[in-house]
PDB file of all heavy atoms in Angstrom:
ATOM      1  N   MET A   1      17.666  -0.395  -1.668  1.00  0.00           N
ATOM      2  CA  MET A   1      18.291   0.800  -1.140  1.00  0.00           C
ATOM      3  C   MET A   1      18.021   0.883   0.335  1.00  0.00           C
ATOM      4  O   MET A   1      17.099   0.260   0.872  1.00  0.00           O
ATOM      5  CB  MET A   1      17.783   2.038  -1.831  1.00  0.00           C
ATOM      6  CG  MET A   1      17.870   2.021  -3.353  1.00  0.00           C
ATOM      7  SD  MET A   1      17.051   3.467  -4.078  1.00  0.00           S
ATOM      8  CE  MET A   1      17.215   3.078  -5.809  1.00  0.00           C
ATOM      9  N   HIS A   2      18.837   1.697   1.042  1.00  0.00           N
ATOM     10  CA  HIS A   2      18.628   1.797   2.461  1.00  0.00           C
ATOM     11  C   HIS A   2      17.216   2.316   2.812  1.00  0.00           C
ATOM     12  O   HIS A   2      16.645   1.913   3.830  1.00  0.00           O
ATOM     13  CB  HIS A   2      19.679   2.784   3.019  1.00  0.00           C
ATOM     14  CG  HIS A   2      19.574   3.004   4.491  1.00  0.00           C
ATOM     15  ND1 HIS A   2      19.820   2.015   5.419  1.00  0.00           N
ATOM     16  CD2 HIS A   2      19.178   4.069   5.214  1.00  0.00           C
ATOM     17  CE1 HIS A   2      19.629   2.454   6.663  1.00  0.00           C
ATOM     18  NE2 HIS A   2      19.228   3.718   6.517  1.00  0.00           N
ATOM     19  N   LYS A   3      16.681   3.155   1.946  1.00  0.00           N
ATOM     20  CA  LYS A   3      15.365   3.680   2.186  1.00  0.00           C
ATOM     21  C   LYS A   3      14.232   2.591   2.110  1.00  0.00           C
ATOM     22  O   LYS A   3      13.105   2.855   2.502  1.00  0.00           O
ATOM     23  CB  LYS A   3      15.010   4.817   1.252  1.00  0.00           C
ATOM     24  CG  LYS A   3      14.938   4.412  -0.226  1.00  0.00           C
ATOM     25  CD  LYS A   3      14.582   5.613  -1.093  1.00  0.00           C
ATOM     26  CE  LYS A   3      14.480   5.200  -2.563  1.00  0.00           C
ATOM     27  NZ  LYS A   3      14.198   6.403  -3.435  1.00  0.00           N
ATOM     28  N   ASP A   4      14.580   1.454   1.575  1.00  0.00           N
ATOM     29  CA  ASP A   4      13.629   0.368   1.508  1.00  0.00           C
ATOM     30  C   ASP A   4      13.475  -0.360   2.856  1.00  0.00           C
ATOM     31  O   ASP A   4      12.663  -1.256   2.964  1.00  0.00           O
ATOM     32  CB  ASP A   4      13.993  -0.620   0.430  1.00  0.00           C
ATOM     33  CG  ASP A   4      13.929  -0.025  -0.972  1.00  0.00           C
ATOM     34  OD1 ASP A   4      12.996   0.718  -1.252  1.00  0.00           O
ATOM     35  OD2 ASP A   4      14.833  -0.311  -1.791  1.00  0.00           O
ATOM     36  N   THR A   5      14.340  -0.002   3.771  1.00  0.00           N
ATOM     37  CA  THR A   5      14.231  -0.647   5.101  1.00  0.00           C
ATOM     38  C   THR A   5      12.950  -0.316   5.736  1.00  0.00           C
ATOM     39  O   THR A   5      12.554   0.858   5.896  1.00  0.00           O
ATOM     40  CB  THR A   5      15.373  -0.183   5.998  1.00  0.00           C
ATOM     41  OG1 THR A   5      16.646  -0.594   5.445  1.00  0.00           O
ATOM     42  CG2 THR A   5      15.277  -0.711   7.396  1.00  0.00           C
ATOM     43  N   ALA A   6      12.198  -1.398   6.107  1.00  0.00           N
ATOM     44  CA  ALA A   6      10.880  -1.230   6.661  1.00  0.00           C
ATOM     45  C   ALA A   6      10.318  -2.578   7.060  1.00  0.00           C
ATOM     46  O   ALA A   6      10.907  -3.608   6.711  1.00  0.00           O
ATOM     47  CB  ALA A   6       9.921  -0.534   5.705  1.00  0.00           C
ATOM     48  N   VAL A   7       9.242  -2.559   7.804  1.00  0.00           N
ATOM     49  CA  VAL A   7       8.452  -3.780   7.960  1.00  0.00           C
ATOM     50  C   VAL A   7       7.451  -3.861   6.821  1.00  0.00           C
ATOM     51  O   VAL A   7       6.747  -2.914   6.522  1.00  0.00           O
ATOM     52  CB  VAL A   7       7.706  -3.732   9.291  1.00  0.00           C
ATOM     53  CG1 VAL A   7       6.845  -5.010   9.459  1.00  0.00           C
ATOM     54  CG2 VAL A   7       8.716  -3.664  10.470  1.00  0.00           C
ATOM     55  N   TYR A   8       7.456  -4.987   6.170  1.00  0.00           N
ATOM     56  CA  TYR A   8       6.584  -5.203   5.013  1.00  0.00           C
ATOM     57  C   TYR A   8       5.442  -6.044   5.350  1.00  0.00           C
ATOM     58  O   TYR A   8       5.567  -7.060   5.998  1.00  0.00           O
ATOM     59  CB  TYR A   8       7.395  -5.817   3.872  1.00  0.00           C
ATOM     60  CG  TYR A   8       8.308  -4.868   3.142  1.00  0.00           C
ATOM     61  CD1 TYR A   8       9.481  -4.438   3.801  1.00  0.00           C
ATOM     62  CD2 TYR A   8       8.053  -4.406   1.882  1.00  0.00           C
ATOM     63  CE1 TYR A   8      10.316  -3.502   3.202  1.00  0.00           C
ATOM     64  CE2 TYR A   8       8.909  -3.511   1.218  1.00  0.00           C
ATOM     65  CZ  TYR A   8      10.031  -3.070   1.891  1.00  0.00           C
ATOM     66  OH  TYR A   8      10.837  -2.138   1.265  1.00  0.00           O
ATOM     67  N   TYR A   9       4.252  -5.575   4.967  1.00  0.00           N
ATOM     68  CA  TYR A   9       3.015  -6.247   5.259  1.00  0.00           C
ATOM     69  C   TYR A   9       2.275  -6.585   3.995  1.00  0.00           C
ATOM     70  O   TYR A   9       2.337  -5.846   3.018  1.00  0.00           O
ATOM     71  CB  TYR A   9       2.061  -5.370   6.098  1.00  0.00           C
ATOM     72  CG  TYR A   9       2.627  -4.857   7.406  1.00  0.00           C
ATOM     73  CD1 TYR A   9       3.370  -3.700   7.478  1.00  0.00           C
ATOM     74  CD2 TYR A   9       2.380  -5.556   8.593  1.00  0.00           C
ATOM     75  CE1 TYR A   9       3.910  -3.270   8.693  1.00  0.00           C
ATOM     76  CE2 TYR A   9       2.880  -5.133   9.778  1.00  0.00           C
ATOM     77  CZ  TYR A   9       3.602  -3.990   9.832  1.00  0.00           C
ATOM     78  OH  TYR A   9       4.086  -3.523  11.057  1.00  0.00           O
ATOM     79  N   CYS A  10       1.549  -7.703   4.024  1.00  0.00           N
ATOM     80  CA  CYS A  10       0.575  -7.960   2.968  1.00  0.00           C
ATOM     81  C   CYS A  10      -0.816  -7.921   3.533  1.00  0.00           C
ATOM     82  O   CYS A  10      -1.026  -8.013   4.723  1.00  0.00           O
ATOM     83  CB  CYS A  10       0.899  -9.330   2.273  1.00  0.00           C
ATOM     84  SG  CYS A  10       0.711 -10.788   3.343  1.00  0.00           S
ATOM     85  N   ALA A  11      -1.734  -7.695   2.640  1.00  0.00           N
ATOM     86  CA  ALA A  11      -3.162  -7.598   3.056  1.00  0.00           C
ATOM     87  C   ALA A  11      -4.071  -7.927   1.926  1.00  0.00           C
ATOM     88  O   ALA A  11      -3.658  -7.865   0.732  1.00  0.00           O
ATOM     89  CB  ALA A  11      -3.397  -6.187   3.552  1.00  0.00           C
ATOM     90  N   VAL A  12      -5.289  -8.175   2.226  1.00  0.00           N
ATOM     91  CA  VAL A  12      -6.327  -8.417   1.270  1.00  0.00           C
ATOM     92  C   VAL A  12      -7.003  -7.172   0.874  1.00  0.00           C
ATOM     93  O   VAL A  12      -7.393  -6.395   1.762  1.00  0.00           O
ATOM     94  CB  VAL A  12      -7.335  -9.454   1.806  1.00  0.00           C
ATOM     95  CG1 VAL A  12      -8.491  -9.654   0.777  1.00  0.00           C
ATOM     96  CG2 VAL A  12      -6.706 -10.801   2.097  1.00  0.00           C
ATOM     97  N   ARG A  13      -7.139  -6.879  -0.367  1.00  0.00           N
ATOM     98  CA  ARG A  13      -7.836  -5.719  -0.818  1.00  0.00           C
ATOM     99  C   ARG A  13      -9.357  -5.977  -0.934  1.00  0.00           C
ATOM    100  O   ARG A  13      -9.758  -6.915  -1.639  1.00  0.00           O
ATOM    101  CB  ARG A  13      -7.292  -5.167  -2.139  1.00  0.00           C
ATOM    102  CG  ARG A  13      -8.083  -4.027  -2.686  1.00  0.00           C
ATOM    103  CD  ARG A  13      -7.287  -3.153  -3.683  1.00  0.00           C
ATOM    104  NE  ARG A  13      -6.784  -3.914  -4.836  1.00  0.00           N
ATOM    105  CZ  ARG A  13      -7.485  -4.235  -5.904  1.00  0.00           C
ATOM    106  NH1 ARG A  13      -8.763  -3.842  -5.965  1.00  0.00           N
ATOM    107  NH2 ARG A  13      -6.917  -4.897  -6.915  1.00  0.00           N
ATOM    108  N   ARG A  14     -10.172  -5.202  -0.261  1.00  0.00           N
ATOM    109  CA  ARG A  14     -11.560  -5.377  -0.247  1.00  0.00           C
ATOM    110  C   ARG A  14     -12.240  -4.238  -1.125  1.00  0.00           C
ATOM    111  O   ARG A  14     -13.371  -4.387  -1.493  1.00  0.00           O
ATOM    112  CB  ARG A  14     -12.147  -5.308   1.179  1.00  0.00           C
ATOM    113  CG  ARG A  14     -11.519  -6.270   2.083  1.00  0.00           C
ATOM    114  CD  ARG A  14     -11.915  -7.741   1.698  1.00  0.00           C
ATOM    115  NE  ARG A  14     -11.457  -8.679   2.700  1.00  0.00           N
ATOM    116  CZ  ARG A  14     -11.636  -9.996   2.594  1.00  0.00           C
ATOM    117  NH1 ARG A  14     -12.310 -10.501   1.548  1.00  0.00           N
ATOM    118  NH2 ARG A  14     -11.170 -10.812   3.574  1.00  0.00           N
ATOM    119  N   GLY A  15     -11.554  -3.168  -1.297  1.00  0.00           N
ATOM    120  CA  GLY A  15     -12.069  -2.034  -2.109  1.00  0.00           C
ATOM    121  C   GLY A  15     -11.502  -2.035  -3.473  1.00  0.00           C
ATOM    122  O   GLY A  15     -10.710  -2.905  -3.820  1.00  0.00           O
ATOM    123  N   PRO A  16     -11.871  -1.067  -4.251  1.00  0.00           N
ATOM    124  CA  PRO A  16     -11.450  -1.030  -5.665  1.00  0.00           C
ATOM    125  C   PRO A  16     -10.006  -0.570  -5.754  1.00  0.00           C
ATOM    126  O   PRO A  16      -9.455   0.116  -4.848  1.00  0.00           O
ATOM    127  CB  PRO A  16     -12.385  -0.015  -6.296  1.00  0.00           C
ATOM    128  CG  PRO A  16     -12.771   0.884  -5.112  1.00  0.00           C
ATOM    129  CD  PRO A  16     -12.867  -0.035  -3.906  1.00  0.00           C
ATOM    130  N   ARG A  17      -9.369  -0.901  -6.846  1.00  0.00           N
ATOM    131  CA  ARG A  17      -8.018  -0.440  -7.116  1.00  0.00           C
ATOM    132  C   ARG A  17      -7.873   1.014  -7.115  1.00  0.00           C
ATOM    133  O   ARG A  17      -6.782   1.549  -6.744  1.00  0.00           O
ATOM    134  CB  ARG A  17      -7.566  -1.041  -8.427  1.00  0.00           C
ATOM    135  CG  ARG A  17      -6.251  -0.523  -9.004  1.00  0.00           C
ATOM    136  CD  ARG A  17      -4.993  -0.983  -8.271  1.00  0.00           C
ATOM    137  NE  ARG A  17      -4.787  -2.405  -8.439  1.00  0.00           N
ATOM    138  CZ  ARG A  17      -4.260  -2.977  -9.501  1.00  0.00           C
ATOM    139  NH1 ARG A  17      -3.918  -2.188 -10.526  1.00  0.00           N
ATOM    140  NH2 ARG A  17      -4.058  -4.270  -9.569  1.00  0.00           N
ATOM    141  N   SER A  18      -8.868   1.739  -7.485  1.00  0.00           N
ATOM    142  CA  SER A  18      -8.876   3.154  -7.579  1.00  0.00           C
ATOM    143  C   SER A  18      -8.483   3.815  -6.223  1.00  0.00           C
ATOM    144  O   SER A  18      -7.876   4.893  -6.185  1.00  0.00           O
ATOM    145  CB  SER A  18     -10.167   3.757  -8.062  1.00  0.00           C
ATOM    146  OG  SER A  18     -11.268   3.415  -7.203  1.00  0.00           O
ATOM    147  N   ILE A  19      -8.824   3.204  -5.128  1.00  0.00           N
ATOM    148  CA  ILE A  19      -8.421   3.689  -3.825  1.00  0.00           C
ATOM    149  C   ILE A  19      -6.950   3.735  -3.668  1.00  0.00           C
ATOM    150  O   ILE A  19      -6.361   4.605  -3.010  1.00  0.00           O
ATOM    151  CB  ILE A  19      -9.131   2.887  -2.708  1.00  0.00           C
ATOM    152  CG1 ILE A  19     -10.648   3.046  -2.771  1.00  0.00           C
ATOM    153  CG2 ILE A  19      -8.579   3.319  -1.316  1.00  0.00           C
ATOM    154  CD1 ILE A  19     -11.396   2.299  -1.738  1.00  0.00           C
ATOM    155  N   VAL A  20      -6.296   2.713  -4.177  1.00  0.00           N
ATOM    156  CA  VAL A  20      -4.882   2.608  -4.051  1.00  0.00           C
ATOM    157  C   VAL A  20      -4.147   3.821  -4.738  1.00  0.00           C
ATOM    158  O   VAL A  20      -3.106   4.315  -4.174  1.00  0.00           O
ATOM    159  CB  VAL A  20      -4.315   1.305  -4.660  1.00  0.00           C
ATOM    160  CG1 VAL A  20      -2.818   1.194  -4.532  1.00  0.00           C
ATOM    161  CG2 VAL A  20      -5.020   0.131  -4.030  1.00  0.00           C
ATOM    162  N   THR A  21      -4.675   4.284  -5.812  1.00  0.00           N
ATOM    163  CA  THR A  21      -4.026   5.409  -6.530  1.00  0.00           C
ATOM    164  C   THR A  21      -4.627   6.726  -6.176  1.00  0.00           C
ATOM    165  O   THR A  21      -4.207   7.747  -6.760  1.00  0.00           O
ATOM    166  CB  THR A  21      -4.195   5.138  -8.024  1.00  0.00           C
ATOM    167  OG1 THR A  21      -5.587   5.068  -8.397  1.00  0.00           O
ATOM    168  CG2 THR A  21      -3.508   3.822  -8.423  1.00  0.00           C
ATOM    169  N   SER A  22      -5.557   6.773  -5.218  1.00  0.00           N
ATOM    170  CA  SER A  22      -6.158   8.058  -4.835  1.00  0.00           C
ATOM    171  C   SER A  22      -5.313   8.749  -3.787  1.00  0.00           C
ATOM    172  O   SER A  22      -4.312   8.245  -3.280  1.00  0.00           O
ATOM    173  CB  SER A  22      -7.572   7.835  -4.315  1.00  0.00           C
ATOM    174  OG  SER A  22      -7.539   7.163  -3.076  1.00  0.00           O
ATOM    175  N   THR A  23      -5.676   9.978  -3.463  1.00  0.00           N
ATOM    176  CA  THR A  23      -5.015  10.728  -2.445  1.00  0.00           C
ATOM    177  C   THR A  23      -5.363  10.280  -1.032  1.00  0.00           C
ATOM    178  O   THR A  23      -4.667  10.644  -0.074  1.00  0.00           O
ATOM    179  CB  THR A  23      -5.251  12.192  -2.586  1.00  0.00           C
ATOM    180  OG1 THR A  23      -6.693  12.430  -2.499  1.00  0.00           O
ATOM    181  CG2 THR A  23      -4.763  12.718  -3.944  1.00  0.00           C
ATOM    182  N   SER A  24      -6.447   9.508  -0.872  1.00  0.00           N
ATOM    183  CA  SER A  24      -6.783   8.982   0.408  1.00  0.00           C
ATOM    184  C   SER A  24      -5.826   7.870   0.815  1.00  0.00           C
ATOM    185  O   SER A  24      -5.041   7.358  -0.016  1.00  0.00           O
ATOM    186  CB  SER A  24      -8.214   8.545   0.401  1.00  0.00           C
ATOM    187  OG  SER A  24      -8.385   7.470  -0.490  1.00  0.00           O
ATOM    188  N   ASP A  25      -5.937   7.461   2.011  1.00  0.00           N
ATOM    189  CA  ASP A  25      -5.072   6.408   2.508  1.00  0.00           C
ATOM    190  C   ASP A  25      -5.345   5.079   1.805  1.00  0.00           C
ATOM    191  O   ASP A  25      -6.438   4.504   2.048  1.00  0.00           O
ATOM    192  CB  ASP A  25      -5.248   6.287   4.043  1.00  0.00           C
ATOM    193  CG  ASP A  25      -4.272   5.283   4.678  1.00  0.00           C
ATOM    194  OD1 ASP A  25      -3.482   4.725   3.955  1.00  0.00           O
ATOM    195  OD2 ASP A  25      -4.311   5.130   5.909  1.00  0.00           O
TER     196      ASP A  25
END
């Protein structure tokens, strides 16, 4: 979709998965 327009980045996760689903960044 048009809203998918963006720069896409990949990165290494160093913290737990729980951070991804938390309200923090």
